[in-house]
């Protein structure tokens, strides 16, 4: 159940960011759900391989190159889903940065809600 909630929240953020950012477009909420699911799968299977191959430059940039890895994941997702369009690397970088920030904020609030005593 928690995974479905996370996918739905990510899909909502994908729609919101597509409406805010000029270089990103998504056709429908169903497409954003597919984007969220594919992003989850790519982050599980492809991202570790990309991190392994880019480890030296990631270490040299103190981890900032991971933002580029995230943008590459977004561009892969763009190429696989026809209703999701990202216009170039910089749009993908900004989209991935804002999506990561919003997901971190939601995750932080979710952790605080889990830790509160039940009285």
PDB file of N, CA and C in Angstrom:
ATOM      1  N   UNK A   1       0.821  -1.189   0.000  1.00  0.00           N
ATOM      2  CA  UNK A   1       0.000   0.000   0.000  1.00  0.00           C
ATOM      3  C   UNK A   1       0.871   1.261   0.000  1.00  0.00           C
ATOM      4  N   UNK A   2       1.985   1.193   0.743  1.00  0.00           N
ATOM      5  CA  UNK A   2       2.878   2.345   0.827  1.00  0.00           C
ATOM      6  C   UNK A   2       3.485   2.671  -0.541  1.00  0.00           C
ATOM      7  N   UNK A   3       3.783   1.640  -1.321  1.00  0.00           N
ATOM      8  CA  UNK A   3       4.360   1.854  -2.648  1.00  0.00           C
ATOM      9  C   UNK A   3       3.359   2.552  -3.559  1.00  0.00           C
ATOM     10  N   UNK A   4       2.094   2.157  -3.483  1.00  0.00           N
ATOM     11  CA  UNK A   4       1.066   2.803  -4.304  1.00  0.00           C
ATOM     12  C   UNK A   4       0.900   4.269  -3.932  1.00  0.00           C
ATOM     13  N   UNK A   5       0.984   4.563  -2.650  1.00  0.00           N
ATOM     14  CA  UNK A   5       0.892   5.957  -2.204  1.00  0.00           C
ATOM     15  C   UNK A   5       2.084   6.755  -2.721  1.00  0.00           C
ATOM     16  N   UNK A   6       3.279   6.176  -2.632  1.00  0.00           N
ATOM     17  CA  UNK A   6       4.475   6.867  -3.123  1.00  0.00           C
ATOM     18  C   UNK A   6       4.405   7.112  -4.626  1.00  0.00           C
ATOM     19  N   UNK A   7       3.918   6.121  -5.376  1.00  0.00           N
ATOM     20  CA  UNK A   7       3.780   6.294  -6.822  1.00  0.00           C
ATOM     21  C   UNK A   7       2.757   7.371  -7.155  1.00  0.00           C
ATOM     22  N   UNK A   8       1.654   7.394  -6.409  1.00  0.00           N
ATOM     23  CA  UNK A   8       0.624   8.406  -6.648  1.00  0.00           C
ATOM     24  C   UNK A   8       1.141   9.800  -6.331  1.00  0.00           C
ATOM     25  N   UNK A   9       1.855   9.938  -5.230  1.00  0.00           N
ATOM     26  CA  UNK A   9       2.419  11.244  -4.858  1.00  0.00           C
ATOM     27  C   UNK A   9       3.442  11.693  -5.901  1.00  0.00           C
ATOM     28  N   UNK A  10       4.280  10.773  -6.355  1.00  0.00           N
ATOM     29  CA  UNK A  10       5.249  11.114  -7.394  1.00  0.00           C
ATOM     30  C   UNK A  10       4.538  11.527  -8.679  1.00  0.00           C
ATOM     31  N   UNK A  11       3.470  10.825  -9.024  1.00  0.00           N
ATOM     32  CA  UNK A  11       2.704  11.174 -10.230  1.00  0.00           C
ATOM     33  C   UNK A  11       2.093  12.568 -10.106  1.00  0.00           C
ATOM     34  N   UNK A  12       1.609  12.910  -8.924  1.00  0.00           N
ATOM     35  CA  UNK A  12       1.057  14.253  -8.701  1.00  0.00           C
ATOM     36  C   UNK A  12       2.149  15.306  -8.891  1.00  0.00           C
ATOM     37  N   UNK A  13       3.342  15.041  -8.362  1.00  0.00           N
ATOM     38  CA  UNK A  13       4.449  15.984  -8.530  1.00  0.00           C
ATOM     39  C   UNK A  13       4.894  16.079  -9.986  1.00  0.00           C
ATOM     40  N   UNK A  14       4.840  14.970 -10.711  1.00  0.00           N
ATOM     41  CA  UNK A  14       5.193  15.000 -12.132  1.00  0.00           C
ATOM     42  C   UNK A  14       4.237  15.921 -12.884  1.00  0.00           C
ATOM     43  N   UNK A  15       2.939  15.815 -12.597  1.00  0.00           N
ATOM     44  CA  UNK A  15       1.949  16.684 -13.247  1.00  0.00           C
ATOM     45  C   UNK A  15       2.180  18.140 -12.849  1.00  0.00           C
ATOM     46  N   UNK A  16       2.413  18.382 -11.558  1.00  0.00           N
ATOM     47  CA  UNK A  16       2.634  19.755 -11.094  1.00  0.00           C
ATOM     48  C   UNK A  16       3.866  20.371 -11.764  1.00  0.00           C
ATOM     49  N   UNK A  17       4.964  19.631 -11.794  1.00  0.00           N
ATOM     50  CA  UNK A  17       6.192  20.158 -12.391  1.00  0.00           C
ATOM     51  C   UNK A  17       6.053  20.336 -13.897  1.00  0.00           C
ATOM     52  N   UNK A  18       5.294  19.455 -14.543  1.00  0.00           N
ATOM     53  CA  UNK A  18       5.067  19.608 -15.982  1.00  0.00           C
ATOM     54  C   UNK A  18       4.262  20.869 -16.277  1.00  0.00           C
ATOM     55  N   UNK A  19       3.390  21.254 -15.354  1.00  0.00           N
ATOM     56  CA  UNK A  19       2.619  22.483 -15.540  1.00  0.00           C
ATOM     57  C   UNK A  19       3.433  23.734 -15.214  1.00  0.00           C
ATOM     58  N   UNK A  20       4.448  23.602 -14.373  1.00  0.00           N
ATOM     59  CA  UNK A  20       5.257  24.744 -13.956  1.00  0.00           C
ATOM     60  C   UNK A  20       6.445  24.966 -14.897  1.00  0.00           C
ATOM     61  N   UNK A  21       7.152  23.903 -15.227  1.00  0.00           N
ATOM     62  CA  UNK A  21       8.379  24.020 -16.020  1.00  0.00           C
ATOM     63  C   UNK A  21       8.061  24.103 -17.511  1.00  0.00           C
ATOM     64  N   UNK A  22       8.691  25.024 -18.215  1.00  0.00           N
ATOM     65  CA  UNK A  22       8.374  25.188 -19.635  1.00  0.00           C
ATOM     66  C   UNK A  22       8.881  24.062 -20.534  1.00  0.00           C
ATOM     67  N   UNK A  23       9.889  23.339 -20.147  1.00  0.00           N
ATOM     68  CA  UNK A  23      10.460  22.310 -21.012  1.00  0.00           C
ATOM     69  C   UNK A  23       9.959  20.913 -20.755  1.00  0.00           C
ATOM     70  N   UNK A  24       8.928  20.769 -19.919  1.00  0.00           N
ATOM     71  CA  UNK A  24       8.419  19.451 -19.554  1.00  0.00           C
ATOM     72  C   UNK A  24       6.924  19.412 -19.816  1.00  0.00           C
ATOM     73  N   UNK A  25       6.461  18.311 -20.413  1.00  0.00           N
ATOM     74  CA  UNK A  25       5.031  18.153 -20.674  1.00  0.00           C
ATOM     75  C   UNK A  25       4.624  16.705 -20.428  1.00  0.00           C
ATOM     76  N   UNK A  26       3.434  16.533 -19.878  1.00  0.00           N
ATOM     77  CA  UNK A  26       2.862  15.203 -19.672  1.00  0.00           C
ATOM     78  C   UNK A  26       1.412  15.253 -20.144  1.00  0.00           C
ATOM     79  N   UNK A  27       0.983  14.197 -20.843  1.00  0.00           N
ATOM     80  CA  UNK A  27      -0.342  14.196 -21.465  1.00  0.00           C
ATOM     81  C   UNK A  27      -1.485  14.080 -20.466  1.00  0.00           C
ATOM     82  N   UNK A  28      -1.347  13.177 -19.503  1.00  0.00           N
ATOM     83  CA  UNK A  28      -2.460  12.923 -18.583  1.00  0.00           C
ATOM     84  C   UNK A  28      -1.925  12.418 -17.252  1.00  0.00           C
ATOM     85  N   UNK A  29      -2.844  12.293 -16.298  1.00  0.00           N
ATOM     86  CA  UNK A  29      -2.442  11.767 -14.998  1.00  0.00           C
ATOM     87  C   UNK A  29      -2.046  10.300 -15.112  1.00  0.00           C
ATOM     88  N   UNK A  30      -2.711   9.562 -15.984  1.00  0.00           N
ATOM     89  CA  UNK A  30      -2.347   8.161 -16.205  1.00  0.00           C
ATOM     90  C   UNK A  30      -0.920   8.057 -16.737  1.00  0.00           C
ATOM     91  N   UNK A  31      -0.560   8.945 -17.632  1.00  0.00           N
ATOM     92  CA  UNK A  31       0.814   8.974 -18.140  1.00  0.00           C
ATOM     93  C   UNK A  31       1.790   9.302 -17.018  1.00  0.00           C
ATOM     94  N   UNK A  32       1.410  10.203 -16.130  1.00  0.00           N
ATOM     95  CA  UNK A  32       2.303  10.538 -15.015  1.00  0.00           C
ATOM     96  C   UNK A  32       2.450   9.361 -14.052  1.00  0.00           C
ATOM     97  N   UNK A  33       1.409   8.541 -13.909  1.00  0.00           N
ATOM     98  CA  UNK A  33       1.539   7.320 -13.103  1.00  0.00           C
ATOM     99  C   UNK A  33       2.530   6.353 -13.749  1.00  0.00           C
ATOM    100  N   UNK A  34       2.473   6.242 -15.068  1.00  0.00           N
ATOM    101  CA  UNK A  34       3.431   5.394 -15.784  1.00  0.00           C
ATOM    102  C   UNK A  34       4.843   5.957 -15.632  1.00  0.00           C
ATOM    103  N   UNK A  35       4.973   7.270 -15.712  1.00  0.00           N
ATOM    104  CA  UNK A  35       6.276   7.919 -15.513  1.00  0.00           C
ATOM    105  C   UNK A  35       6.803   7.616 -14.112  1.00  0.00           C
ATOM    106  N   UNK A  36       5.948   7.730 -13.107  1.00  0.00           N
ATOM    107  CA  UNK A  36       6.369   7.466 -11.727  1.00  0.00           C
ATOM    108  C   UNK A  36       6.818   6.017 -11.562  1.00  0.00           C
ATOM    109  N   UNK A  37       6.073   5.085 -12.144  1.00  0.00           N
ATOM    110  CA  UNK A  37       6.435   3.671 -12.039  1.00  0.00           C
ATOM    111  C   UNK A  37       7.743   3.383 -12.773  1.00  0.00           C
ATOM    112  N   UNK A  38       7.896   3.960 -13.963  1.00  0.00           N
ATOM    113  CA  UNK A  38       9.124   3.735 -14.720  1.00  0.00           C
ATOM    114  C   UNK A  38      10.324   4.386 -14.036  1.00  0.00           C
ATOM    115  N   UNK A  39      10.134   5.560 -13.459  1.00  0.00           N
ATOM    116  CA  UNK A  39      11.224   6.192 -12.704  1.00  0.00           C
ATOM    117  C   UNK A  39      11.653   5.313 -11.537  1.00  0.00           C
ATOM    118  N   UNK A  40      10.690   4.712 -10.859  1.00  0.00           N
ATOM    119  CA  UNK A  40      11.021   3.817  -9.748  1.00  0.00           C
ATOM    120  C   UNK A  40      11.832   2.622 -10.247  1.00  0.00           C
ATOM    121  N   UNK A  41      11.409   2.030 -11.354  1.00  0.00           N
ATOM    122  CA  UNK A  41      12.135   0.879 -11.898  1.00  0.00           C
ATOM    123  C   UNK A  41      13.527   1.271 -12.394  1.00  0.00           C
ATOM    124  N   UNK A  42      13.624   2.396 -13.071  1.00  0.00           N
ATOM    125  CA  UNK A  42      14.932   2.850 -13.546  1.00  0.00           C
ATOM    126  C   UNK A  42      15.859   3.180 -12.383  1.00  0.00           C
ATOM    127  N   UNK A  43      15.321   3.748 -11.317  1.00  0.00           N
ATOM    128  CA  UNK A  43      16.142   4.053 -10.140  1.00  0.00           C
ATOM    129  C   UNK A  43      16.600   2.787  -9.431  1.00  0.00           C
ATOM    130  N   UNK A  44      15.824   1.718  -9.553  1.00  0.00           N
ATOM    131  CA  UNK A  44      16.214   0.454  -8.929  1.00  0.00           C
ATOM    132  C   UNK A  44      17.264  -0.275  -9.763  1.00  0.00           C
ATOM    133  N   UNK A  45      17.073  -0.324 -11.080  1.00  0.00           N
ATOM    134  CA  UNK A  45      17.908  -1.181 -11.921  1.00  0.00           C
ATOM    135  C   UNK A  45      18.999  -0.442 -12.702  1.00  0.00           C
ATOM    136  N   UNK A  46      18.732   0.738 -13.221  1.00  0.00           N
ATOM    137  CA  UNK A  46      19.690   1.425 -14.093  1.00  0.00           C
ATOM    138  C   UNK A  46      20.580   2.388 -13.316  1.00  0.00           C
ATOM    139  N   UNK A  47      20.015   3.097 -12.362  1.00  0.00           N
ATOM    140  CA  UNK A  47      20.772   4.117 -11.623  1.00  0.00           C
ATOM    141  C   UNK A  47      22.024   3.554 -10.943  1.00  0.00           C
ATOM    142  N   UNK A  48      21.955   2.374 -10.280  1.00  0.00           N
ATOM    143  CA  UNK A  48      23.189   1.852  -9.669  1.00  0.00           C
ATOM    144  C   UNK A  48      24.297   1.579 -10.690  1.00  0.00           C
ATOM    145  N   UNK A  49      23.920   1.146 -11.887  1.00  0.00           N
ATOM    146  CA  UNK A  49      24.916   0.895 -12.927  1.00  0.00           C
ATOM    147  C   UNK A  49      25.539   2.211 -13.385  1.00  0.00           C
ATOM    148  N   UNK A  50      24.701   3.227 -13.585  1.00  0.00           N
ATOM    149  CA  UNK A  50      25.227   4.541 -13.975  1.00  0.00           C
ATOM    150  C   UNK A  50      26.132   5.119 -12.891  1.00  0.00           C
ATOM    151  N   UNK A  51      25.745   4.945 -11.646  1.00  0.00           N
ATOM    152  CA  UNK A  51      26.570   5.445 -10.539  1.00  0.00           C
ATOM    153  C   UNK A  51      27.916   4.728 -10.515  1.00  0.00           C
ATOM    154  N   UNK A  52      27.900   3.428 -10.757  1.00  0.00           N
ATOM    155  CA  UNK A  52      29.147   2.667 -10.769  1.00  0.00           C
ATOM    156  C   UNK A  52      30.083   3.149 -11.876  1.00  0.00           C
ATOM    157  N   UNK A  53      29.531   3.386 -13.070  1.00  0.00           N
ATOM    158  CA  UNK A  53      30.362   3.844 -14.184  1.00  0.00           C
ATOM    159  C   UNK A  53      30.859   5.274 -14.000  1.00  0.00           C
ATOM    160  N   UNK A  54      30.119   6.083 -13.277  1.00  0.00           N
ATOM    161  CA  UNK A  54      30.497   7.492 -13.106  1.00  0.00           C
ATOM    162  C   UNK A  54      31.080   7.766 -11.719  1.00  0.00           C
ATOM    163  N   UNK A  55      31.488   6.731 -11.029  1.00  0.00           N
ATOM    164  CA  UNK A  55      31.990   6.898  -9.662  1.00  0.00           C
ATOM    165  C   UNK A  55      33.180   7.854  -9.556  1.00  0.00           C
ATOM    166  N   UNK A  56      34.184   7.779 -10.429  1.00  0.00           N
ATOM    167  CA  UNK A  56      35.308   8.720 -10.280  1.00  0.00           C
ATOM    168  C   UNK A  56      34.886  10.186 -10.375  1.00  0.00           C
ATOM    169  N   UNK A  57      34.063  10.521 -11.366  1.00  0.00           N
ATOM    170  CA  UNK A  57      33.650  11.922 -11.502  1.00  0.00           C
ATOM    171  C   UNK A  57      32.684  12.317 -10.385  1.00  0.00           C
ATOM    172  N   UNK A  58      31.920  11.356  -9.895  1.00  0.00           N
ATOM    173  CA  UNK A  58      31.032  11.642  -8.761  1.00  0.00           C
ATOM    174  C   UNK A  58      31.852  11.970  -7.518  1.00  0.00           C
ATOM    175  N   UNK A  59      32.919  11.237  -7.312  1.00  0.00           N
ATOM    176  CA  UNK A  59      33.786  11.523  -6.164  1.00  0.00           C
ATOM    177  C   UNK A  59      34.497  12.863  -6.326  1.00  0.00           C
ATOM    178  N   UNK A  60      34.941  13.173  -7.540  1.00  0.00           N
ATOM    179  CA  UNK A  60      35.617  14.451  -7.781  1.00  0.00           C
ATOM    180  C   UNK A  60      34.695  15.648  -7.574  1.00  0.00           C
ATOM    181  N   UNK A  61      33.414  15.469  -7.848  1.00  0.00           N
ATOM    182  CA  UNK A  61      32.458  16.575  -7.698  1.00  0.00           C
ATOM    183  C   UNK A  61      31.716  16.506  -6.369  1.00  0.00           C
ATOM    184  N   UNK A  62      32.199  15.668  -5.459  1.00  0.00           N
ATOM    185  CA  UNK A  62      31.593  15.512  -4.134  1.00  0.00           C
ATOM    186  C   UNK A  62      30.110  15.149  -4.215  1.00  0.00           C
ATOM    187  N   UNK A  63      29.770  14.309  -5.191  1.00  0.00           N
ATOM    188  CA  UNK A  63      28.405  13.813  -5.318  1.00  0.00           C
ATOM    189  C   UNK A  63      27.485  14.646  -6.183  1.00  0.00           C
ATOM    190  N   UNK A  64      27.927  15.817  -6.615  1.00  0.00           N
ATOM    191  CA  UNK A  64      27.063  16.669  -7.435  1.00  0.00           C
ATOM    192  C   UNK A  64      26.773  16.060  -8.801  1.00  0.00           C
ATOM    193  N   UNK A  65      27.636  15.174  -9.267  1.00  0.00           N
ATOM    194  CA  UNK A  65      27.392  14.543 -10.562  1.00  0.00           C
ATOM    195  C   UNK A  65      26.180  13.618 -10.517  1.00  0.00           C
ATOM    196  N   UNK A  66      25.739  13.249  -9.328  1.00  0.00           N
ATOM    197  CA  UNK A  66      24.528  12.429  -9.213  1.00  0.00           C
ATOM    198  C   UNK A  66      23.308  13.164  -9.760  1.00  0.00           C
ATOM    199  N   UNK A  67      23.344  14.494  -9.758  1.00  0.00           N
ATOM    200  CA  UNK A  67      22.267  15.261 -10.388  1.00  0.00           C
ATOM    201  C   UNK A  67      22.230  14.997 -11.890  1.00  0.00           C
ATOM    202  N   UNK A  68      23.397  14.852 -12.490  1.00  0.00           N
ATOM    203  CA  UNK A  68      23.472  14.526 -13.914  1.00  0.00           C
ATOM    204  C   UNK A  68      22.939  13.113 -14.154  1.00  0.00           C
ATOM    205  N   UNK A  69      23.267  12.191 -13.267  1.00  0.00           N
ATOM    206  CA  UNK A  69      22.745  10.824 -13.378  1.00  0.00           C
ATOM    207  C   UNK A  69      21.220  10.839 -13.300  1.00  0.00           C
ATOM    208  N   UNK A  70      20.670  11.628 -12.387  1.00  0.00           N
ATOM    209  CA  UNK A  70      19.214  11.742 -12.287  1.00  0.00           C
ATOM    210  C   UNK A  70      18.618  12.315 -13.566  1.00  0.00           C
ATOM    211  N   UNK A  71      19.275  13.295 -14.162  1.00  0.00           N
ATOM    212  CA  UNK A  71      18.788  13.874 -15.417  1.00  0.00           C
ATOM    213  C   UNK A  71      18.829  12.841 -16.541  1.00  0.00           C
ATOM    214  N   UNK A  72      19.843  12.009 -16.554  1.00  0.00           N
ATOM    215  CA  UNK A  72      19.923  10.946 -17.559  1.00  0.00           C
ATOM    216  C   UNK A  72      18.767   9.967 -17.386  1.00  0.00           C
ATOM    217  N   UNK A  73      18.427   9.650 -16.144  1.00  0.00           N
ATOM    218  CA  UNK A  73      17.282   8.765 -15.873  1.00  0.00           C
ATOM    219  C   UNK A  73      16.000   9.398 -16.410  1.00  0.00           C
ATOM    220  N   UNK A  74      15.836  10.697 -16.205  1.00  0.00           N
ATOM    221  CA  UNK A  74      14.652  11.402 -16.719  1.00  0.00           C
ATOM    222  C   UNK A  74      14.627  11.346 -18.246  1.00  0.00           C
ATOM    223  N   UNK A  75      15.766  11.537 -18.888  1.00  0.00           N
ATOM    224  CA  UNK A  75      15.824  11.489 -20.350  1.00  0.00           C
ATOM    225  C   UNK A  75      15.539  10.088 -20.885  1.00  0.00           C
ATOM    226  N   UNK A  76      15.976   9.064 -20.171  1.00  0.00           N
ATOM    227  CA  UNK A  76      15.641   7.688 -20.558  1.00  0.00           C
ATOM    228  C   UNK A  76      14.137   7.480 -20.463  1.00  0.00           C
ATOM    229  N   UNK A  77      13.557   7.965 -19.392  1.00  0.00           N
ATOM    230  CA  UNK A  77      12.108   7.872 -19.202  1.00  0.00           C
ATOM    231  C   UNK A  77      11.379   8.617 -20.319  1.00  0.00           C
ATOM    232  N   UNK A  78      11.893   9.758 -20.706  1.00  0.00           N
ATOM    233  CA  UNK A  78      11.311  10.544 -21.796  1.00  0.00           C
ATOM    234  C   UNK A  78      11.326   9.760 -23.104  1.00  0.00           C
ATOM    235  N   UNK A  79      12.411   9.050 -23.356  1.00  0.00           N
ATOM    236  CA  UNK A  79      12.511   8.307 -24.612  1.00  0.00           C
ATOM    237  C   UNK A  79      11.630   7.062 -24.626  1.00  0.00           C
ATOM    238  N   UNK A  80      11.259   6.550 -23.467  1.00  0.00           N
ATOM    239  CA  UNK A  80      10.459   5.326 -23.403  1.00  0.00           C
ATOM    240  C   UNK A  80       8.956   5.575 -23.338  1.00  0.00           C
ATOM    241  N   UNK A  81       8.538   6.750 -22.899  1.00  0.00           N
ATOM    242  CA  UNK A  81       7.108   7.045 -22.736  1.00  0.00           C
ATOM    243  C   UNK A  81       6.729   8.150 -23.715  1.00  0.00           C
ATOM    244  N   UNK A  82       5.747   7.857 -24.567  1.00  0.00           N
ATOM    245  CA  UNK A  82       5.399   8.813 -25.622  1.00  0.00           C
ATOM    246  C   UNK A  82       4.638  10.030 -25.102  1.00  0.00           C
ATOM    247  N   UNK A  83       3.908   9.920 -24.018  1.00  0.00           N
ATOM    248  CA  UNK A  83       3.138  11.050 -23.504  1.00  0.00           C
ATOM    249  C   UNK A  83       3.902  11.946 -22.550  1.00  0.00           C
ATOM    250  N   UNK A  84       5.179  11.674 -22.369  1.00  0.00           N
ATOM    251  CA  UNK A  84       6.033  12.438 -21.459  1.00  0.00           C
ATOM    252  C   UNK A  84       7.159  13.044 -22.286  1.00  0.00           C
ATOM    253  N   UNK A  85       7.228  14.362 -22.328  1.00  0.00           N
ATOM    254  CA  UNK A  85       8.217  15.041 -23.162  1.00  0.00           C
ATOM    255  C   UNK A  85       9.066  15.989 -22.328  1.00  0.00           C
ATOM    256  N   UNK A  86      10.377  15.831 -22.455  1.00  0.00           N
ATOM    257  CA  UNK A  86      11.336  16.721 -21.800  1.00  0.00           C
ATOM    258  C   UNK A  86      12.225  17.293 -22.896  1.00  0.00           C
ATOM    259  N   UNK A  87      12.296  18.604 -22.968  1.00  0.00           N
ATOM    260  CA  UNK A  87      13.050  19.277 -24.030  1.00  0.00           C
ATOM    261  C   UNK A  87      14.489  19.528 -23.610  1.00  0.00           C
ATOM    262  N   UNK A  88      15.323  18.525 -23.710  1.00  0.00           N
ATOM    263  CA  UNK A  88      16.749  18.715 -23.499  1.00  0.00           C
ATOM    264  C   UNK A  88      17.237  18.394 -22.101  1.00  0.00           C
ATOM    265  N   UNK A  89      18.562  18.442 -22.014  1.00  0.00           N
ATOM    266  CA  UNK A  89      19.237  18.060 -20.777  1.00  0.00           C
ATOM    267  C   UNK A  89      18.930  19.008 -19.624  1.00  0.00           C
ATOM    268  N   UNK A  90      18.939  20.316 -19.883  1.00  0.00           N
ATOM    269  CA  UNK A  90      18.766  21.280 -18.792  1.00  0.00           C
ATOM    270  C   UNK A  90      17.364  21.201 -18.195  1.00  0.00           C
ATOM    271  N   UNK A  91      16.376  20.957 -19.035  1.00  0.00           N
ATOM    272  CA  UNK A  91      15.013  20.766 -18.522  1.00  0.00           C
ATOM    273  C   UNK A  91      14.942  19.499 -17.680  1.00  0.00           C
ATOM    274  N   UNK A  92      15.622  18.445 -18.130  1.00  0.00           N
ATOM    275  CA  UNK A  92      15.653  17.196 -17.366  1.00  0.00           C
ATOM    276  C   UNK A  92      16.370  17.389 -16.035  1.00  0.00           C
ATOM    277  N   UNK A  93      17.454  18.154 -16.047  1.00  0.00           N
ATOM    278  CA  UNK A  93      18.193  18.414 -14.813  1.00  0.00           C
ATOM    279  C   UNK A  93      17.346  19.190 -13.813  1.00  0.00           C
ATOM    280  N   UNK A  94      16.688  20.237 -14.274  1.00  0.00           N
ATOM    281  CA  UNK A  94      15.833  21.026 -13.388  1.00  0.00           C
ATOM    282  C   UNK A  94      14.646  20.205 -12.890  1.00  0.00           C
ATOM    283  N   UNK A  95      14.044  19.431 -13.780  1.00  0.00           N
ATOM    284  CA  UNK A  95      12.921  18.574 -13.403  1.00  0.00           C
ATOM    285  C   UNK A  95      13.344  17.563 -12.342  1.00  0.00           C
ATOM    286  N   UNK A  96      14.473  16.902 -12.553  1.00  0.00           N
ATOM    287  CA  UNK A  96      14.922  15.895 -11.591  1.00  0.00           C
ATOM    288  C   UNK A  96      15.297  16.523 -10.254  1.00  0.00           C
ATOM    289  N   UNK A  97      15.887  17.718 -10.296  1.00  0.00           N
ATOM    290  CA  UNK A  97      16.240  18.413  -9.055  1.00  0.00           C
ATOM    291  C   UNK A  97      14.991  18.770  -8.254  1.00  0.00           C
ATOM    292  N   UNK A  98      14.005  19.361  -8.917  1.00  0.00           N
ATOM    293  CA  UNK A  98      12.775  19.746  -8.216  1.00  0.00           C
ATOM    294  C   UNK A  98      11.974  18.533  -7.759  1.00  0.00           C
ATOM    295  N   UNK A  99      11.961  17.470  -8.565  1.00  0.00           N
ATOM    296  CA  UNK A  99      11.258  16.252  -8.157  1.00  0.00           C
ATOM    297  C   UNK A  99      11.931  15.631  -6.936  1.00  0.00           C
ATOM    298  N   UNK A 100      13.249  15.624  -6.910  1.00  0.00           N
ATOM    299  CA  UNK A 100      13.979  15.089  -5.751  1.00  0.00           C
ATOM    300  C   UNK A 100      13.713  15.905  -4.496  1.00  0.00           C
ATOM    301  N   UNK A 101      13.683  17.225  -4.634  1.00  0.00           N
ATOM    302  CA  UNK A 101      13.423  18.089  -3.478  1.00  0.00           C
ATOM    303  C   UNK A 101      12.022  17.856  -2.935  1.00  0.00           C
ATOM    304  N   UNK A 102      11.030  17.821  -3.822  1.00  0.00           N
ATOM    305  CA  UNK A 102       9.650  17.629  -3.351  1.00  0.00           C
ATOM    306  C   UNK A 102       9.464  16.258  -2.719  1.00  0.00           C
ATOM    307  N   UNK A 103      10.080  15.235  -3.292  1.00  0.00           N
ATOM    308  CA  UNK A 103       9.972  13.905  -2.701  1.00  0.00           C
ATOM    309  C   UNK A 103      10.666  13.848  -1.343  1.00  0.00           C
ATOM    310  N   UNK A 104      11.780  14.531  -1.197  1.00  0.00           N
ATOM    311  CA  UNK A 104      12.477  14.559   0.092  1.00  0.00           C
ATOM    312  C   UNK A 104      11.647  15.251   1.162  1.00  0.00           C
ATOM    313  N   UNK A 105      10.995  16.346   0.789  1.00  0.00           N
ATOM    314  CA  UNK A 105      10.148  17.062   1.750  1.00  0.00           C
ATOM    315  C   UNK A 105       8.984  16.185   2.187  1.00  0.00           C
ATOM    316  N   UNK A 106       8.343  15.529   1.241  1.00  0.00           N
ATOM    317  CA  UNK A 106       7.215  14.651   1.582  1.00  0.00           C
ATOM    318  C   UNK A 106       7.688  13.484   2.442  1.00  0.00           C
ATOM    319  N   UNK A 107       8.838  12.915   2.104  1.00  0.00           N
ATOM    320  CA  UNK A 107       9.378  11.804   2.884  1.00  0.00           C
ATOM    321  C   UNK A 107       9.697  12.252   4.311  1.00  0.00           C
ATOM    322  N   UNK A 108      10.217  13.469   4.451  1.00  0.00           N
ATOM    323  CA  UNK A 108      10.541  14.014   5.774  1.00  0.00           C
ATOM    324  C   UNK A 108       9.282  14.172   6.624  1.00  0.00           C
ATOM    325  N   UNK A 109       8.216  14.710   6.022  1.00  0.00           N
ATOM    326  CA  UNK A 109       6.961  14.852   6.762  1.00  0.00           C
ATOM    327  C   UNK A 109       6.360  13.494   7.090  1.00  0.00           C
ATOM    328  N   UNK A 110       6.527  12.531   6.207  1.00  0.00           N
ATOM    329  CA  UNK A 110       6.021  11.186   6.462  1.00  0.00           C
ATOM    330  C   UNK A 110       6.740  10.527   7.620  1.00  0.00           C
ATOM    331  N   UNK A 111       8.039  10.768   7.739  1.00  0.00           N
ATOM    332  CA  UNK A 111       8.800  10.206   8.851  1.00  0.00           C
ATOM    333  C   UNK A 111       8.394  10.845  10.166  1.00  0.00           C
ATOM    334  N   UNK A 112       8.128  12.150  10.165  1.00  0.00           N
ATOM    335  CA  UNK A 112       7.697  12.818  11.391  1.00  0.00           C
ATOM    336  C   UNK A 112       6.336  12.306  11.838  1.00  0.00           C
ATOM    337  N   UNK A 113       5.457  12.049  10.896  1.00  0.00           N
ATOM    338  CA  UNK A 113       4.129  11.542  11.241  1.00  0.00           C
ATOM    339  C   UNK A 113       4.221  10.132  11.804  1.00  0.00           C
ATOM    340  N   UNK A 114       5.177   9.338  11.326  1.00  0.00           N
ATOM    341  CA  UNK A 114       5.340   7.975  11.827  1.00  0.00           C
ATOM    342  C   UNK A 114       5.917   7.952  13.238  1.00  0.00           C
ATOM    343  N   UNK A 115       6.696   8.955  13.615  1.00  0.00           N
ATOM    344  CA  UNK A 115       7.364   8.959  14.912  1.00  0.00           C
ATOM    345  C   UNK A 115       6.539   9.543  16.050  1.00  0.00           C
ATOM    346  N   UNK A 116       5.452  10.195  15.763  1.00  0.00           N
ATOM    347  CA  UNK A 116       4.678  10.825  16.828  1.00  0.00           C
ATOM    348  C   UNK A 116       4.004   9.766  17.700  1.00  0.00           C
ATOM    349  N   UNK A 117       4.027   9.977  19.023  1.00  0.00           N
ATOM    350  CA  UNK A 117       3.400   9.001  19.920  1.00  0.00           C
ATOM    351  C   UNK A 117       1.873   8.998  19.742  1.00  0.00           C
ATOM    352  N   UNK A 118       1.251   7.842  19.919  1.00  0.00           N
ATOM    353  CA  UNK A 118      -0.199   7.721  19.661  1.00  0.00           C
ATOM    354  C   UNK A 118      -1.075   8.128  20.838  1.00  0.00           C
ATOM    355  N   UNK A 119      -0.954   9.324  21.359  1.00  0.00           N
ATOM    356  CA  UNK A 119      -1.851   9.777  22.425  1.00  0.00           C
ATOM    357  C   UNK A 119      -2.363  11.130  22.183  1.00  0.00           C
TER     358      UNK A 119
END
